[in-house]
């Protein structure tokens, strides 16, 4: 080993440690986005199914047809969604018809190192769930 090679392994090792730490921080940011999306999707699914419980009982009793009461379906979905306490939600859309209730949730996830690649904008998460009354018994 010559005198000019001394310390090169130390510099190389420090460089590799910095790269691994950088990749770990990026992975943590992405994992936060995936976790937030999972939370939003679960809450939207549950809210849509809660809204799908708003059957028009008088229509069902007279004709056997399973249709929703849209106003009541939206109310049930909104009440259910409110119980989840989702963080950083920027928009909620609940739309119900006689056939289905649709719940859309949009939110932001603050990312640290990913800002380097995205220009400082937060990661936007958008989920959509549709709930319908069941047509036949399980």
Protein backbone atom coordinates (compact mmCIF):
# COMPACT_ATOMS: atom_id res chain seq x y z
CA UNK A 1 0.00 0.00 0.00
CA UNK A 2 1.38 3.35 -0.92
CA UNK A 3 1.13 6.50 1.13
CA UNK A 4 -1.45 8.01 -1.24
CA UNK A 5 -3.98 5.21 -0.57
CA UNK A 6 -4.25 5.78 3.15
CA UNK A 7 -7.78 6.67 4.30
CA UNK A 8 -9.50 5.85 1.01
CA UNK A 9 -11.51 3.02 2.61
CA UNK A 10 -12.72 5.41 5.31
CA UNK A 11 -13.93 7.94 2.75
CA UNK A 12 -15.59 5.18 0.70
CA UNK A 13 -17.30 3.79 3.82
CA UNK A 14 -18.57 7.22 4.88
CA UNK A 15 -19.92 7.79 1.37
CA UNK A 16 -21.78 4.47 1.43
CA UNK A 17 -23.24 5.22 4.88
CA UNK A 18 -24.55 8.57 3.61
CA UNK A 19 -26.13 6.90 0.57
CA UNK A 20 -27.83 4.27 2.73
CA UNK A 21 -29.15 6.94 5.11
CA UNK A 22 -30.46 8.97 2.15
CA UNK A 23 -32.25 5.93 0.68
CA UNK A 24 -33.67 5.09 4.11
CA UNK A 25 -35.13 8.59 4.46
CA UNK A 26 -36.67 8.37 0.98
CA UNK A 27 -38.15 4.98 1.84
CA UNK A 28 -39.63 6.38 5.04
CA UNK A 29 -41.31 9.21 3.08
CA UNK A 30 -42.79 6.79 0.56
CA UNK A 31 -43.95 4.48 3.35
CA UNK A 32 -45.78 7.43 4.96
CA UNK A 33 -47.61 8.02 1.68
CA UNK A 34 -48.58 4.37 1.36
CA UNK A 35 -49.77 4.27 4.97
CA UNK A 36 -51.87 7.39 4.54
CA UNK A 37 -53.43 5.97 1.38
CA UNK A 38 -54.27 2.75 3.23
CA UNK A 39 -55.92 4.73 6.05
CA UNK A 40 -57.92 6.86 3.61
CA UNK A 41 -58.99 3.83 1.58
CA UNK A 42 -60.17 1.95 4.67
CA UNK A 43 -62.13 4.94 5.94
CA UNK A 44 -63.70 5.58 2.52
CA UNK A 45 -64.67 1.91 2.15
CA UNK A 46 -66.32 1.84 5.57
CA UNK A 47 -68.14 5.12 4.94
CA UNK A 48 -69.44 3.88 1.57
CA UNK A 49 -70.70 0.68 3.14
CA UNK A 50 -72.34 2.62 5.96
CA UNK A 51 -74.11 4.74 3.37
CA UNK A 52 -75.20 1.61 1.53
CA UNK A 53 -77.22 0.67 4.62
CA UNK A 54 -79.69 3.50 3.94
CA UNK A 55 -82.29 1.37 2.19
CA UNK A 56 -85.60 2.85 1.17
CA UNK A 57 -87.60 0.54 3.43
CA UNK A 58 -91.03 1.47 2.12
CA UNK A 59 -89.97 0.68 -1.47
CA UNK A 60 -88.38 -2.58 -0.37
CA UNK A 61 -91.47 -3.68 1.55
CA UNK A 62 -93.82 -2.89 -1.33
CA UNK A 63 -91.76 -4.15 -4.29
CA UNK A 64 -88.77 -6.03 -2.88
CA UNK A 65 -86.46 -3.69 -4.79
CA UNK A 66 -83.28 -2.60 -2.98
CA UNK A 67 -82.76 1.12 -3.53
CA UNK A 68 -81.13 3.76 -1.35
CA UNK A 69 -82.48 6.95 0.15
CA UNK A 70 -79.75 9.29 -1.20
CA UNK A 71 -79.97 11.97 1.49
CA UNK A 72 -79.86 9.42 4.31
CA UNK A 73 -77.04 7.50 2.58
CA UNK A 74 -74.92 10.66 2.37
CA UNK A 75 -75.63 11.43 6.02
CA UNK A 76 -74.65 7.93 7.19
CA UNK A 77 -71.48 7.99 5.08
CA UNK A 78 -70.48 11.44 6.41
CA UNK A 79 -71.10 10.42 10.02
CA UNK A 80 -69.04 7.26 9.58
CA UNK A 81 -66.19 9.11 7.87
CA UNK A 82 -66.09 11.69 10.68
CA UNK A 83 -65.41 8.94 13.25
CA UNK A 84 -62.08 8.02 11.63
CA UNK A 85 -60.26 11.25 12.47
CA UNK A 86 -58.20 11.32 9.29
CA UNK A 87 -55.31 13.78 9.25
CA UNK A 88 -54.46 16.25 6.47
CA UNK A 89 -57.69 15.73 4.52
CA UNK A 90 -58.10 18.45 1.90
CA UNK A 91 -61.36 17.30 0.34
CA UNK A 92 -64.27 14.93 0.84
CA UNK A 93 -66.97 14.26 -1.73
CA UNK A 94 -69.95 12.08 -0.88
CA UNK A 95 -72.46 11.49 -3.66
CA UNK A 96 -75.40 9.13 -3.35
CA UNK A 97 -78.01 7.97 -5.82
CA UNK A 98 -80.73 5.38 -5.49
CA UNK A 99 -78.27 2.73 -6.67
CA UNK A 100 -74.96 3.55 -4.96
CA UNK A 101 -73.06 5.86 -2.65
CA UNK A 102 -69.63 7.13 -3.70
CA UNK A 103 -67.10 8.45 -1.17
CA UNK A 104 -63.96 10.25 -2.35
CA UNK A 105 -61.26 11.41 0.05
CA UNK A 106 -58.27 13.56 -0.93
CA UNK A 107 -55.40 14.58 1.32
CA UNK A 108 -51.79 15.67 1.45
CA UNK A 109 -48.81 13.82 2.86
CA UNK A 110 -45.87 15.95 3.91
CA UNK A 111 -42.67 14.48 2.55
CA UNK A 112 -39.18 15.46 3.58
CA UNK A 113 -36.50 14.35 1.16
CA UNK A 114 -38.93 13.65 -1.68
CA UNK A 115 -39.28 17.42 -2.03
CA UNK A 116 -35.93 17.35 -3.77
CA UNK A 117 -37.52 15.53 -6.71
CA UNK A 118 -41.01 17.08 -6.63
CA UNK A 119 -40.27 20.76 -6.22
CA UNK A 120 -41.57 21.07 -2.66
CA UNK A 121 -45.16 19.97 -3.29
CA UNK A 122 -46.73 17.51 -0.88
CA UNK A 123 -47.70 14.03 -2.02
CA UNK A 124 -51.42 14.02 -2.92
CA UNK A 125 -53.44 10.94 -1.98
CA UNK A 126 -56.86 10.36 -3.54
CA UNK A 127 -59.13 7.36 -2.90
CA UNK A 128 -62.61 6.47 -4.13
CA UNK A 129 -65.01 3.88 -2.74
CA UNK A 130 -68.45 2.79 -3.97
CA UNK A 131 -71.04 1.13 -1.76
CA UNK A 132 -74.16 -0.58 -3.09
CA UNK A 133 -76.96 -2.48 -1.43
CA UNK A 134 -76.63 -6.25 -1.76
CA UNK A 135 -78.94 -7.85 -4.29
CA UNK A 136 -79.13 -11.26 -2.68
CA UNK A 137 -78.55 -12.83 0.72
CA UNK A 138 -75.00 -13.95 1.61
